[in-house]
Structure formats: C-alpha cells, structure tokens
Protein backbone atom coordinates (compact mmCIF):
# COMPACT_ATOMS: atom_id res chain seq x y z
CA MET A 1 92.42 75.54 143.69
CA ARG A 2 89.97 74.50 140.82
CA LYS A 3 92.48 76.59 138.38
CA ILE A 4 95.48 74.51 139.76
CA LEU A 5 93.58 71.16 139.33
CA PHE A 6 92.43 72.43 135.75
CA MET A 7 95.94 73.28 134.75
CA LEU A 8 97.07 69.77 136.08
CA SER A 9 94.46 67.82 134.29
CA ILE A 10 95.68 69.69 131.02
CA ILE A 11 99.25 68.72 131.71
CA ILE A 12 98.29 64.91 132.51
CA VAL A 13 96.11 64.78 128.96
CA PHE A 14 99.05 66.47 127.11
CA LEU A 15 101.59 63.80 128.64
CA SER A 16 99.31 60.82 128.02
CA CYS A 17 98.69 61.87 124.55
CA LYS A 18 102.31 62.46 123.81
CA GLU A 19 102.98 59.13 125.61
CA GLU A 20 100.42 57.52 123.22
CA LYS A 21 102.09 58.83 119.98
CA ASN A 22 105.42 57.33 121.40
CA VAL A 23 103.61 53.72 121.46
CA VAL A 24 104.39 51.58 118.15
CA LYS A 25 101.32 49.66 117.60
CA THR A 26 102.47 46.21 116.49
CA LYS A 27 100.15 44.14 114.05
CA GLU A 28 98.22 41.39 115.61
CA ILE A 29 99.04 38.23 113.70
CA GLN A 30 96.23 36.01 112.88
CA ARG A 31 97.06 32.30 113.85
CA GLY A 32 95.72 29.07 112.30
CA TYR A 33 95.93 25.70 113.65
CA ILE A 34 98.42 25.34 116.25
CA THR A 35 100.16 22.24 117.59
CA ASP A 36 103.12 21.89 120.43
CA LYS A 37 105.40 19.12 118.82
CA ALA A 38 104.66 17.61 115.31
CA MET A 39 102.49 18.23 112.22
CA VAL A 40 101.17 17.30 108.82
CA VAL A 41 99.72 19.63 106.53
CA SER A 42 98.54 17.86 103.29
CA ALA A 43 95.62 18.12 100.52
CA ARG A 44 93.57 15.56 102.73
CA GLN A 45 92.60 15.21 106.23
CA GLU A 46 92.92 11.58 105.93
CA ALA A 47 96.38 11.93 104.83
CA SER A 48 97.63 14.36 107.37
CA LYS A 49 96.09 12.56 109.95
CA ILE A 50 97.78 9.14 108.89
CA GLY A 51 100.96 11.07 108.89
CA ALA A 52 100.57 12.61 112.35
CA ASP A 53 99.55 9.31 113.89
CA ILE A 54 102.67 7.74 112.39
CA MET A 55 104.77 10.36 114.43
CA ALA A 56 102.63 9.73 117.39
CA LYS A 57 103.72 6.16 117.26
CA GLY A 58 107.34 7.16 117.43
CA GLY A 59 108.04 7.78 113.85
CA ASN A 60 109.85 10.86 112.46
CA ALA A 61 109.02 12.89 109.43
CA PHE A 62 110.25 10.55 106.80
CA ASP A 63 108.28 8.02 108.25
CA ALA A 64 105.31 10.06 107.92
CA MET A 65 106.40 10.93 104.62
CA MET A 66 105.69 7.39 103.34
CA ALA A 67 102.48 7.39 105.47
CA THR A 68 101.30 10.54 103.99
CA GLU A 69 102.28 10.19 100.29
CA MET A 70 100.70 6.79 100.10
CA ALA A 71 97.53 7.90 101.87
CA LEU A 72 97.41 10.63 99.47
CA ALA A 73 97.65 8.29 96.42
CA VAL A 74 94.45 6.52 98.28
CA SER A 75 92.35 9.72 99.18
CA TYR A 76 93.54 12.29 96.58
CA PRO A 77 94.02 10.36 92.98
CA TYR A 78 93.95 13.79 91.42
CA ALA A 79 97.35 14.20 92.26
CA GLY A 80 98.49 11.68 95.08
CA ASN A 81 100.13 9.04 93.42
CA LEU A 82 102.21 5.46 93.10
CA GLY A 83 102.37 6.21 89.20
CA GLY A 84 104.20 9.63 89.31
CA GLY A 85 107.01 11.32 91.04
CA GLY A 86 108.25 14.11 93.12
CA PHE A 87 110.81 16.22 94.83
CA LEU A 88 111.95 16.24 98.76
CA VAL A 89 113.58 19.09 100.50
CA TYR A 90 114.51 18.15 104.18
CA ARG A 91 116.19 20.04 107.45
CA LEU A 92 117.34 17.57 110.04
CA ALA A 93 117.04 18.66 113.71
CA ASP A 94 120.87 19.18 113.73
CA GLY A 95 120.76 21.80 110.78
CA GLN A 96 121.83 19.45 107.95
CA VAL A 97 119.85 19.75 104.94
CA GLY A 98 119.56 17.82 101.86
CA ALA A 99 117.10 16.99 98.73
CA LEU A 100 115.83 13.99 96.94
CA ASP A 101 114.95 13.87 93.34
CA TYR A 102 112.34 11.19 92.44
CA ARG A 103 111.19 12.86 89.03
CA GLU A 104 109.89 10.71 86.59
CA LYS A 105 112.14 9.51 83.59
CA ALA A 106 111.86 9.06 79.79
CA PRO A 107 111.71 5.59 78.76
CA LEU A 108 114.57 3.95 77.25
CA ALA A 109 112.75 3.81 74.03
CA ALA A 110 111.89 7.35 74.17
CA SER A 111 113.07 9.65 71.30
CA LYS A 112 113.49 13.57 70.79
CA ASP A 113 110.80 13.57 68.09
CA MET A 114 108.44 11.06 69.41
CA TYR A 115 105.52 13.45 69.44
CA LEU A 116 105.94 14.94 66.13
CA ASP A 117 104.24 14.20 62.66
CA GLU A 118 106.04 13.10 59.55
CA ASP A 119 106.02 16.83 58.57
CA GLY A 120 107.62 17.86 62.13
CA ASN A 121 104.67 19.25 63.86
CA VAL A 122 103.71 18.31 67.23
CA ILE A 123 100.81 15.72 67.34
CA PRO A 124 98.00 17.10 69.80
CA ASN A 125 97.21 15.22 72.95
CA LYS A 126 100.14 12.55 72.28
CA SER A 127 101.97 13.66 75.19
CA THR A 128 99.25 14.56 77.53
CA VAL A 129 96.70 11.80 77.45
CA GLY A 130 97.22 8.03 76.89
CA PRO A 131 100.12 5.56 77.12
CA LEU A 132 102.55 7.53 75.23
CA ALA A 133 102.35 10.38 77.92
CA ILE A 134 103.54 8.11 80.59
CA GLY A 135 107.25 8.77 82.27
CA VAL A 136 108.85 5.99 84.35
CA PRO A 137 107.33 6.47 88.06
CA GLY A 138 109.66 7.66 90.63
CA THR A 139 107.26 7.89 93.77
CA VAL A 140 107.88 4.12 95.50
CA ALA A 141 111.64 4.76 94.94
CA GLY A 142 111.54 8.20 96.53
CA ILE A 143 109.63 7.17 99.77
CA PHE A 144 111.56 4.08 100.11
CA GLU A 145 114.80 6.04 99.75
CA ALA A 146 114.12 8.85 102.53
CA GLN A 147 112.62 6.16 104.76
CA LYS A 148 115.66 4.02 104.38
CA ARG A 149 118.34 6.83 105.00
CA PHE A 150 116.37 8.53 107.78
CA GLY A 151 113.29 6.71 108.92
CA LYS A 152 112.58 5.00 112.48
CA LEU A 153 109.82 2.47 111.99
CA ASP A 154 109.40 -0.55 109.61
CA VAL A 155 107.77 -0.31 106.45
CA LYS A 156 104.83 -2.53 107.60
CA THR A 157 103.78 -0.38 110.40
CA ILE A 158 104.03 2.72 108.36
CA LEU A 159 101.65 1.23 105.37
CA GLN A 160 99.35 -0.59 107.45
CA PRO A 161 97.02 2.64 108.08
CA VAL A 162 97.07 3.49 104.48
CA ILE A 163 96.16 -0.21 103.55
CA ASP A 164 93.16 -0.03 106.14
CA LEU A 165 92.04 3.38 104.49
CA ALA A 166 92.10 1.92 100.77
CA ASN A 167 90.17 -1.20 102.39
CA ASN A 168 87.87 0.90 104.39
CA GLY A 169 87.28 3.80 102.11
CA PHE A 170 87.64 7.70 101.98
CA ILE A 171 84.73 10.23 102.04
CA VAL A 172 84.34 11.99 98.41
CA THR A 173 84.35 15.87 99.01
CA LYS A 174 82.29 18.47 97.09
CA ASN A 175 85.52 19.51 95.10
CA GLN A 176 86.34 15.75 94.37
CA GLU A 177 82.81 15.03 93.07
CA ASN A 178 83.06 18.07 90.63
CA ARG A 179 86.46 16.77 89.66
CA PHE A 180 85.02 13.31 88.89
CA LYS A 181 82.47 14.71 86.87
CA ASN A 182 84.69 16.77 84.78
CA TYR A 183 86.95 14.11 83.63
CA ASP A 184 84.08 11.28 83.38
CA SER A 185 84.24 11.07 79.51
CA LEU A 186 87.86 11.16 79.38
CA PHE A 187 88.22 8.49 81.85
CA THR A 188 86.16 6.27 79.84
CA ALA A 189 87.81 7.11 76.33
CA VAL A 190 91.09 6.70 77.61
CA ASN A 191 90.37 3.55 79.25
CA GLY A 192 87.83 1.96 77.08
CA LYS A 193 85.29 1.58 79.92
CA LYS A 194 83.99 2.88 83.03
CA ILE A 195 86.73 2.87 85.96
CA LEU A 196 86.53 3.48 89.82
CA PHE A 197 86.23 7.05 89.64
CA ASN A 198 83.54 7.73 87.29
CA GLN A 199 80.45 5.80 88.65
CA ASP A 200 78.54 8.97 89.37
CA LEU A 201 79.97 9.44 92.58
CA LYS A 202 78.51 12.17 94.75
CA GLN A 203 79.51 13.98 97.85
CA ASN A 204 79.59 11.96 101.02
CA ASP A 205 80.05 8.60 98.95
CA ARG A 206 82.44 6.37 100.31
CA ILE A 207 85.13 4.97 97.84
CA LEU A 208 86.77 1.53 98.89
CA ASN A 209 90.02 0.74 96.42
CA PHE A 210 90.76 -3.05 97.26
CA ALA A 211 93.19 -3.05 94.32
CA LEU A 212 95.35 -0.41 95.75
CA ALA A 213 95.03 -1.89 99.26
CA GLU A 214 96.24 -5.02 97.66
CA THR A 215 99.35 -3.23 95.86
CA LEU A 216 100.09 -1.61 99.17
CA THR A 217 100.27 -4.94 101.09
CA ARG A 218 102.66 -6.36 98.59
CA ILE A 219 105.02 -3.33 98.61
CA ALA A 220 104.80 -3.32 102.60
CA ASN A 221 105.57 -7.05 102.51
CA ASN A 222 108.18 -6.99 99.68
CA GLY A 223 109.53 -3.69 99.78
CA ARG A 224 110.62 -1.02 97.31
CA ASP A 225 111.48 -3.93 94.77
CA GLU A 226 107.95 -5.16 94.59
CA PHE A 227 107.13 -2.00 92.49
CA TYR A 228 110.32 -2.35 90.19
CA LYS A 229 110.92 -5.83 89.85
CA GLY A 230 108.29 -8.00 91.38
CA GLU A 231 104.86 -9.18 90.50
CA THR A 232 103.46 -5.36 90.70
CA ALA A 233 106.00 -4.61 88.37
CA LYS A 234 105.38 -7.31 85.96
CA LYS A 235 101.50 -6.69 86.24
CA LEU A 236 102.04 -2.80 85.63
CA VAL A 237 104.31 -3.59 82.31
CA GLN A 238 102.16 -5.99 80.86
CA PHE A 239 99.15 -3.87 81.20
CA LEU A 240 101.05 -0.60 79.81
CA GLN A 241 102.19 -2.47 76.67
CA GLU A 242 98.89 -3.73 76.13
CA LYS A 243 97.86 -0.13 76.14
CA GLY A 244 100.71 0.84 73.86
CA SER A 245 103.38 2.20 76.25
CA ILE A 246 107.03 1.93 75.68
CA ILE A 247 107.77 1.30 79.16
CA THR A 248 109.50 -1.98 79.88
CA LEU A 249 110.41 -3.78 82.93
CA GLU A 250 114.18 -2.60 82.09
CA ASP A 251 112.81 1.00 82.58
CA LEU A 252 111.58 -0.10 86.01
CA GLU A 253 114.67 -2.03 87.19
CA LYS A 254 116.98 0.76 85.99
CA TYR A 255 114.89 3.70 87.93
CA GLU A 256 116.77 5.31 90.90
CA ALA A 257 115.78 7.97 93.17
CA LYS A 258 118.76 10.59 93.29
CA TRP A 259 120.10 12.78 96.23
CA ARG A 260 120.75 16.18 95.09
CA LYS A 261 122.43 19.17 96.48
CA PRO A 262 119.75 21.82 97.30
CA ILE A 263 119.72 25.40 96.29
CA GLN A 264 120.46 27.47 99.36
CA PHE A 265 120.80 31.07 99.68
CA GLN A 266 120.32 34.13 102.20
CA TYR A 267 117.42 36.52 102.06
CA ASP A 268 117.96 39.33 104.97
CA ASP A 269 118.25 37.05 108.00
CA LEU A 270 116.66 34.26 106.42
CA THR A 271 118.24 30.94 105.07
CA ILE A 272 116.22 29.65 102.11
CA THR A 273 116.61 25.98 100.95
CA SER A 274 114.84 24.76 97.91
CA MET A 275 114.70 22.18 95.25
CA SER A 276 117.60 22.16 92.67
CA PRO A 277 117.65 21.07 88.87
CA PRO A 278 115.67 19.20 87.48
CA SER A 279 113.34 21.46 89.34
CA SER A 280 113.62 24.97 88.40
CA GLY A 281 111.59 25.97 91.78
CA GLY A 282 115.05 26.60 93.85
CA VAL A 283 117.08 28.28 91.01
CA CYS A 284 113.91 31.08 90.17
CA LEU A 285 113.16 31.58 94.20
CA ASN A 286 116.57 32.26 94.65
CA GLN A 287 116.83 34.73 91.56
CA ILE A 288 113.54 36.63 92.49
CA MET A 289 114.32 36.94 95.89
CA THR A 290 117.94 38.22 95.22
CA MET A 291 116.67 40.79 92.58
CA VAL A 292 113.83 42.12 95.26
CA GLU A 293 115.93 42.12 98.17
CA ASP A 294 117.16 45.77 98.00
CA PHE A 295 113.46 47.17 97.77
CA ASP A 296 111.90 47.93 100.93
CA LEU A 297 108.51 45.85 100.35
CA LYS A 298 107.55 46.16 103.79
CA SER A 299 107.34 50.09 103.58
CA TYR A 300 105.49 49.69 100.14
CA GLY A 301 102.75 47.55 101.77
CA HIS A 302 101.16 43.78 100.87
CA ASN A 303 100.05 43.71 97.39
CA SER A 304 100.44 47.23 96.80
CA LEU A 305 101.33 48.91 93.57
CA LYS A 306 105.13 49.18 94.19
CA ALA A 307 105.24 45.87 95.62
CA ILE A 308 103.49 44.27 92.79
CA GLN A 309 105.51 45.99 90.20
CA VAL A 310 108.93 44.76 92.07
CA LEU A 311 108.17 41.33 92.27
CA VAL A 312 106.28 41.02 88.92
CA GLU A 313 109.53 42.65 87.03
CA ALA A 314 112.00 40.19 89.08
CA GLU A 315 109.60 37.33 87.98
CA LYS A 316 109.92 38.23 84.15
CA ARG A 317 113.51 38.14 84.28
CA ALA A 318 113.73 34.69 86.14
CA TYR A 319 111.26 32.89 84.14
CA ALA A 320 113.06 34.20 81.24
CA ASP A 321 116.61 32.63 82.37
CA ARG A 322 114.51 29.55 83.43
CA SER A 323 113.46 29.05 79.60
CA TYR A 324 116.76 28.67 78.41
CA TYR A 325 119.58 27.47 80.65
CA LEU A 326 117.44 24.80 82.90
CA GLY A 327 116.93 21.05 82.54
CA ASP A 328 118.11 17.69 83.82
CA PRO A 329 121.56 18.46 85.25
CA ASP A 330 122.68 15.04 84.39
CA PHE A 331 122.25 15.94 80.83
CA VAL A 332 122.65 19.59 80.62
CA ASP A 333 125.37 21.93 82.00
CA ILE A 334 123.78 24.50 84.09
CA PRO A 335 125.59 27.98 84.63
CA LEU A 336 123.87 28.03 88.32
CA GLU A 337 126.92 29.91 90.09
CA THR A 338 126.30 32.89 87.66
CA LEU A 339 122.35 32.62 87.47
CA THR A 340 122.19 32.85 91.36
CA SER A 341 125.18 35.43 91.68
CA SER A 342 124.09 38.81 93.38
CA VAL A 343 126.11 40.73 90.65
CA TYR A 344 124.43 38.93 87.76
CA LEU A 345 120.91 39.37 89.25
CA ASN A 346 121.44 43.04 90.30
CA GLU A 347 122.35 43.76 86.60
CA ARG A 348 119.32 42.03 85.62
CA MET A 349 117.07 44.77 87.30
CA THR A 350 119.09 47.65 86.25
CA ASP A 351 116.69 48.57 83.56
CA PHE A 352 113.64 48.33 86.04
CA THR A 353 111.56 51.45 86.68
CA PHE A 354 108.60 51.88 88.48
CA LYS A 355 107.24 54.16 85.55
CA ALA A 356 106.19 51.54 83.21
CA PRO A 357 106.64 47.96 82.63
CA THR A 358 110.16 46.69 81.12
CA PRO A 359 108.92 45.18 77.63
CA VAL A 360 109.05 41.52 77.54
CA ASP A 361 111.06 41.66 73.90
CA SER A 362 113.79 43.55 75.72
CA ILE A 363 114.33 40.62 78.15
CA SER A 364 116.46 38.01 77.05
CA HIS A 365 116.03 34.22 77.17
CA GLY A 366 112.46 33.86 77.71
CA ASN A 367 111.10 30.83 76.00
CA ILE A 368 109.26 29.13 79.02
CA ILE A 369 109.76 25.21 78.96
CA GLY A 370 108.52 22.83 81.41
CA TYR A 371 104.92 22.52 82.64
CA GLU A 372 103.24 21.08 85.80
CA SER A 373 99.42 21.50 85.57
CA ASP A 374 97.53 22.79 88.74
CA GLU A 375 97.04 19.26 89.58
CA THR A 376 100.12 18.83 91.51
CA THR A 377 100.21 18.46 95.39
CA HIS A 378 102.37 19.45 98.27
CA TYR A 379 102.65 18.42 101.80
CA SER A 380 104.70 19.55 104.91
CA ILE A 381 105.58 18.00 107.94
CA VAL A 382 107.49 18.78 111.17
CA ASP A 383 108.26 16.09 113.80
CA GLN A 384 108.89 16.12 117.44
CA PHE A 385 112.32 15.42 117.16
CA GLY A 386 113.00 18.79 115.26
CA ASN A 387 113.26 17.39 111.44
CA ALA A 388 111.26 18.98 108.55
CA ILE A 389 110.40 18.12 105.25
CA ALA A 390 108.64 19.95 102.46
CA VAL A 391 107.67 17.49 99.33
CA THR A 392 105.84 18.25 96.29
CA THR A 393 104.50 15.27 94.17
CA THR A 394 102.34 14.99 91.03
CA LEU A 395 100.84 12.83 88.10
CA ASN A 396 101.15 16.32 85.98
CA GLY A 397 97.73 16.81 84.84
CA GLY A 398 94.91 16.03 86.99
CA TYR A 399 94.72 12.18 87.22
CA GLY A 400 97.78 12.28 84.95
CA SER A 401 97.44 10.32 81.46
CA LYS A 402 94.01 9.27 82.71
CA VAL A 403 95.38 5.63 82.18
CA TYR A 404 94.08 3.74 85.22
CA ALA A 405 95.56 0.12 86.19
CA ASP A 406 92.32 -1.42 87.30
CA ASP A 407 94.21 -4.58 88.88
CA LEU A 408 96.59 -2.16 90.65
CA GLY A 409 94.45 0.76 91.75
CA PHE A 410 96.22 3.69 90.74
CA PHE A 411 96.45 6.19 87.69
CA LEU A 412 99.84 6.80 85.67
CA ASN A 413 101.27 10.00 84.93
CA ASN A 414 101.61 12.21 81.92
CA GLU A 415 104.85 13.82 82.84
CA MET A 416 106.35 13.36 79.37
CA ASP A 417 104.42 16.30 78.38
CA ASP A 418 106.92 18.29 80.77
CA PHE A 419 109.77 17.80 77.94
CA SER A 420 109.70 20.05 75.18
CA SER A 421 108.12 18.15 72.24
CA LYS A 422 109.54 20.15 69.92
CA PRO A 423 112.11 23.08 71.06
CA GLY A 424 111.12 26.66 69.86
CA GLU A 425 107.46 25.59 69.29
CA PRO A 426 104.66 25.89 71.92
CA ASN A 427 103.54 22.70 73.79
CA TYR A 428 99.85 21.61 74.32
CA TYR A 429 99.39 24.33 76.95
CA GLY A 430 100.77 27.25 74.82
CA LEU A 431 104.48 27.27 76.41
CA ILE A 432 107.61 27.33 74.20
CA GLY A 433 110.22 24.95 74.59
CA ALA A 434 113.98 25.06 74.45
CA GLU A 435 116.81 22.49 73.57
CA ALA A 436 117.82 22.07 77.36
CA ASN A 437 114.61 20.28 77.90
CA SER A 438 114.24 17.90 74.89
CA ILE A 439 113.60 14.42 75.07
CA ALA A 440 116.32 11.71 75.71
CA PRO A 441 116.15 8.08 77.12
CA GLU A 442 116.35 8.16 80.91
CA LYS A 443 116.17 12.06 81.25
CA ARG A 444 114.18 13.72 83.73
CA MET A 445 111.97 16.50 82.58
CA LEU A 446 112.05 19.84 83.88
CA SER A 447 109.74 21.09 86.83
CA SER A 448 108.36 23.94 88.69
CA MET A 449 108.10 22.10 91.93
CA THR A 450 109.48 24.27 94.84
CA PRO A 451 109.52 22.44 98.17
CA THR A 452 111.04 24.82 100.40
CA ILE A 453 112.53 25.26 104.13
CA VAL A 454 113.28 28.41 105.38
CA GLU A 455 115.43 29.13 108.45
CA LYS A 456 116.02 32.35 110.61
CA GLU A 457 119.23 33.01 112.28
CA GLY A 458 120.04 29.35 112.04
CA GLU A 459 116.62 28.24 113.47
CA LEU A 460 113.80 26.30 111.58
CA LEU A 461 111.22 29.06 110.82
CA MET A 462 108.95 27.19 108.20
CA THR A 463 108.52 24.62 105.51
CA VAL A 464 106.02 25.48 102.70
CA GLY A 465 105.28 24.49 99.09
CA THR A 466 102.33 24.12 96.89
CA PRO A 467 100.84 22.71 93.26
CA GLY A 468 100.05 25.03 90.80
CA GLY A 469 102.21 24.68 87.60
CA SER A 470 104.29 27.56 86.64
CA THR A 471 102.68 29.51 89.52
CA ILE A 472 104.23 27.41 92.04
CA ILE A 473 107.37 29.22 92.37
CA THR A 474 105.47 32.62 92.69
CA SER A 475 103.17 31.15 95.18
CA VAL A 476 105.87 30.00 97.65
CA LEU A 477 107.65 33.31 97.22
CA GLN A 478 104.57 35.15 98.08
CA THR A 479 103.78 32.97 101.04
CA ILE A 480 107.22 33.30 102.46
CA LEU A 481 107.23 37.28 102.01
CA ASN A 482 103.98 37.45 103.58
CA VAL A 483 105.42 36.10 106.65
CA HIS A 484 108.82 37.78 106.45
CA GLU A 485 108.10 41.20 105.27
CA PHE A 486 104.31 41.90 106.00
CA GLU A 487 104.08 40.10 109.60
CA MET A 488 101.44 37.35 108.90
CA GLY A 489 100.96 34.24 110.54
CA MET A 490 101.09 31.02 108.37
CA GLN A 491 97.41 30.61 107.76
CA GLU A 492 97.02 34.15 107.25
CA ALA A 493 100.20 34.00 104.60
CA VAL A 494 98.60 31.25 102.83
CA ASN A 495 94.80 32.51 102.66
CA ALA A 496 96.15 35.96 101.02
CA PRO A 497 95.46 36.51 97.38
CA ARG A 498 98.02 35.99 95.02
CA PHE A 499 99.39 37.25 91.66
CA HIS A 500 101.70 35.68 89.15
CA ASN A 501 103.92 36.49 86.11
CA GLN A 502 105.91 34.29 83.95
CA TRP A 503 107.45 36.65 81.40
CA LEU A 504 105.23 35.10 78.62
CA PRO A 505 102.25 35.49 78.37
CA ASP A 506 102.88 39.25 78.98
CA GLU A 507 100.28 39.53 81.32
CA ILE A 508 99.95 39.53 85.31
CA ARG A 509 97.60 36.60 86.36
CA ILE A 510 95.33 37.61 89.68
CA GLU A 511 92.76 35.75 91.82
CA PRO A 512 89.38 37.18 90.59
CA ASN A 513 87.66 39.73 93.11
CA ALA A 514 90.42 39.52 95.55
CA PHE A 515 92.53 42.84 94.84
CA ASP A 516 91.87 46.64 95.33
CA LYS A 517 90.48 47.81 92.14
CA ASN A 518 92.45 50.83 92.47
CA ILE A 519 95.63 49.16 92.46
CA ILE A 520 94.45 47.03 89.11
CA LYS A 521 93.50 50.58 87.56
CA GLN A 522 96.87 51.99 88.44
CA LEU A 523 98.67 48.89 87.14
CA ILE A 524 96.61 49.10 83.96
CA ALA A 525 97.46 52.58 83.51
CA LYS A 526 101.10 52.01 83.99
CA GLY A 527 101.28 49.62 81.07
CA TYR A 528 100.62 46.17 82.62
CA LYS A 529 98.05 43.59 81.15
CA ILE A 530 95.83 41.98 83.88
CA ASN A 531 93.99 38.65 83.40
CA GLU A 532 91.50 38.09 86.08
CA SER A 533 89.94 35.21 84.64
CA ARG A 534 92.48 32.51 83.38
CA SER A 535 92.48 30.54 86.87
CA PRO A 536 90.13 31.15 89.90
CA ILE A 537 92.93 30.15 92.13
CA ILE A 538 96.70 30.45 92.23
CA GLY A 539 98.25 27.52 94.20
CA ILE A 540 97.28 25.62 96.96
CA VAL A 541 99.89 26.13 99.50
CA ASP A 542 100.60 24.11 102.46
CA GLY A 543 103.01 25.15 105.04
CA ILE A 544 103.95 25.09 108.71
CA LEU A 545 105.59 28.00 110.68
CA VAL A 546 107.51 27.87 114.17
CA THR A 547 105.94 30.86 116.15
CA ASP A 548 108.00 32.77 118.61
CA ASP A 549 107.16 30.51 121.18
CA GLY A 550 108.28 27.41 119.51
CA LYS A 551 105.08 25.96 118.73
CA LEU A 552 103.70 24.91 115.36
CA GLU A 553 101.17 26.72 113.22
CA GLY A 554 99.82 25.07 110.20
CA GLY A 555 98.63 26.70 107.32
CA ALA A 556 96.11 24.45 105.24
CA ASP A 557 94.93 26.38 102.02
CA LYS A 558 91.15 27.17 101.86
CA ARG A 559 91.15 26.87 98.18
CA GLY A 560 91.55 23.25 98.21
CA ASP A 561 90.19 20.30 101.02
CA ASP A 562 93.67 20.51 102.84
CA ALA A 563 94.29 20.17 106.53
CA ALA A 564 96.68 20.39 109.32
CA VAL A 565 96.86 17.65 111.82
CA GLY A 566 99.34 17.19 114.79
CA PHE A 567 99.81 16.92 118.48
C-alpha cells in the first residue's frame, strides 16, 4: 500500500510540474494614477486640476484645453505661455481625427539674412535672446479656434479659475526655484531691470501675477481679438517696438491658426495619428516606426542591445530626411507620400546590420534643422464624452526670448531661432540648417513637437507627447513602444529610461546611470559613441492610456513636477 501511495505521489508531482511548465506567465503591469471618466496630465498640478474641474462642470476636452493651457501660462512660465505657440492633435468620440497648427510665424518685416553680419556670418544670440528673436504668437488664436469649433462652455466660465489662479498665486517648486536662479542675471540683462520672476524666489513661496490676471480678464470679456486687435494687442506692440522688435499690429491682425491634415499610419494593430508639417514629429515618427516594424523588438527585450541598435539606425535615417525635406508646407513642397511609403523606408534600412553602426557619412540628407529647447511642455486630455487631445506648446527656449511684458504678465517666445539663420551653417545650438527652413515673412518655423494619439483596433488607446527639443520624437516613440511591445502601463512606460540619436552629432545620448553597463560596453564595442552627460533627462512625457477594463491611466513624468488629475 505504501509503495502504491509513493508511486501515486510521484505521478502527481510529475503532472503538476508538467502543468506548471505549460503555464504562460504574463508580465504584471505596474499602473499609475487611475480614473474612470476623464483626465488631464500636464506639467503642473494646478493646471491639471483646473482642466479636470472644467470637465467636471460639463466641459469637454477642448474646453479643458483652453483652461489647462492658460493655467500653464500662469503656473509654468518656463514654457506655458500666451506669447508662444503650439500644435493640437485630436480624436473625437466618433473616431474623427484632426490637427490644429498654432505655431508662431515670422513677422512681415523678417528677412532671410536678418541674423547675419555684413560678412554673412551668424550673429551670436540675435535669434535666441531679446526682441528680434520673437515670432508672432499663436497660442491665444489656437485655443480659441479649437474651443470655438468643438467646445461646450462659454469662455468666461473656462477662464475664471485661471484668472483666480493668477490673482491668488501658485506655489514655487524646487525645480522652479532652481530655474529662476539660473536665469536671474539674464532676466535682468534682457529687460534692464528685475522682473516678477527674479526676486530671489524660494521653494514654497507664492507668486501672484496681477498683470496676467488683468490680461486674461480682458481676453475672457472680449475674446480672441483682444489679443490680436484690442487693448492687449496695442499694449503688446508698443512694448515690443520700444524694445526693438519688428512685430507690428498688422502682424497680430493677420495671424490665424490653421487646421491641418494630421499624419496617420499603421504599426501592427495600432493606428498612429500625429502632427503634420510644419512639425517634423509625425513624419519622423511614421518613418521610424515603419522602418522598425519588421524587427521583433519584443523578443529582443526592452533597452536591449539589439532593440537599441534597430531604433538608433532607424532614427539616423529619419533625422537625415527631416533635415533636407521638411519645412512650412505653405512655403515648401514636401514629398510626404514618398517619405512615408513602406517601399522607400524599407529600402532605407537595407544597409543596416547588427554587426556595426551605419556610418553617418553614408546616409544622405543629414543636415539637422529646426530646434526646440528642452523647455517646451505637453499635456494630454481625455474627457468623459470620449474625446482625446494631445497638445504640445512652447516658448522655444526656457522663458523664450527672456523678454517679459510687465504690464501684460507674460514672456515672449524666441521661436525665430527655429528657422535656419544661414542654410548650411550650424545655428546657435550647433545644428545645421537647410533652405527648406530658411526665414521668410509669415512663414512658420519647423518644429519637432510630436503630440500623438494612438488607437488599437479602432478604439482609443493613448494620447501622449513631451517637451525635449530634438528628443521629442524619440521620447514619444519609445513611450508608445514601451506600452505596445514591452507590455508596460502608462506610468511605467513614461518612467522608463530613454535614449536618443539624431544622426548628427554621431552619438547615442542616454540618460545617466539608467542603462545596463554591459549593454553600454557592447554598444561601444560595436562602434557606437555614447554620450551619458549631454542631458540629465530626455523628455518629460505626459500621457493617458485606456486600460483593458476601460479606465484611464495617467503617466505624469517623474522627471518634472508633472501631475495627473481626473475623475
């Protein structure tokens, strides 16, 4: 009897072991902030809350866009703005998609050689700091255009909480304290005096901006035209011209936000919708994802040697094309159909090998153009009605041109540096320009901003975007792949360490102390140059993911003060 029982126990153990071997263990997804109906993820808690509160009052994503964007102008002056511009990509509840371009434009008096000296050399700082660096702002036009077409609430209801925020103040974070200190002397040098933001501000101090509250009140009462034709416009132009700007009332009066057809493409069972030119984001994202689609990234593993190689080599080729072909589509003929065709892109990868890097001098059209500093900002919104938006907005550099309009309460952009000051020559940031992005009156400068919406099998999956200059495209790319290929949740995908390649300079930028040292050694052994010190962070991604059970998961990047708020 004992022998029989012993044999039975062995059989049971054998069968249980065999059964365990046949069990497929699924990866446990780490989730971030979860809500049921609606959510805003932005660079500041105050802005996310105001946007979410507007939706709780019955507003939709486009009402929340206006509220969030203006709340960022109050609480995140580093990049939030009235004096800048941006891009919107949207998906309505019925599946309709679209894009709005409210990028800044060159003033009517702008000229191709306006930043060159008599010998034809670029004058340092002229396109980056001070009044001549400023493009015609588009932000106010953009938020009004989107809200007019799709919004539900009246403008006064939307803007009142923002006006209250400006009057009652916001709390300075440690990151803000550090930035204010870093820019202190430049603020004074450019403006000729101390301004609101270099008063020796410390963490937990409260900043009240009464001038901005008054400007927002006039805009709430008088609408879009207040900024472009009204008292605010007149005050702004008078201030700018006293500073030496070439922007006129005619520039403001002529400015219009423009609806664009977004870039849309397939990747596996995903439909990706992203921004079209004058942003390079959607085109480059399309190119990179098409070039890597046939590689088994999932089996290679997240941030593995092979996965990094494939992505870096595709990025090289996309950024090379970006430099030569892309600009404002109202001024430049862009061969979009060819640039995004699978035949063309598959051909681009035929010389790729895992053995060694493709030499950069063997890749044609690699003159990198256009630049946003890391100081852009992004927010993502999903409302209770099923609409989703992705918005990236910027002053370009941190606090833009550093020109601060005291009586109006906001900074002006330095977006003119996103043009090629001298085609074929490096700009202030060491990036080379091309003719497609040369300066012309009323032309929009090329951008890297990549607000993106992803669908899966016809249903909304995520809305995502980031600041980060030339790293914007690759940060959005990796976040999407982290969710789709490597089965991460939104917060986990946002938190994951990132890398970047843009063809020139010939290097892989990686976030410091974030990657497996053995992987780095293997990349170097294959001939890749690694730069671990150029930037402590790559992108500050904000996204919203629709989970399998229909809830919303926010990914607010830990690299900043970002926050998700919803209900």
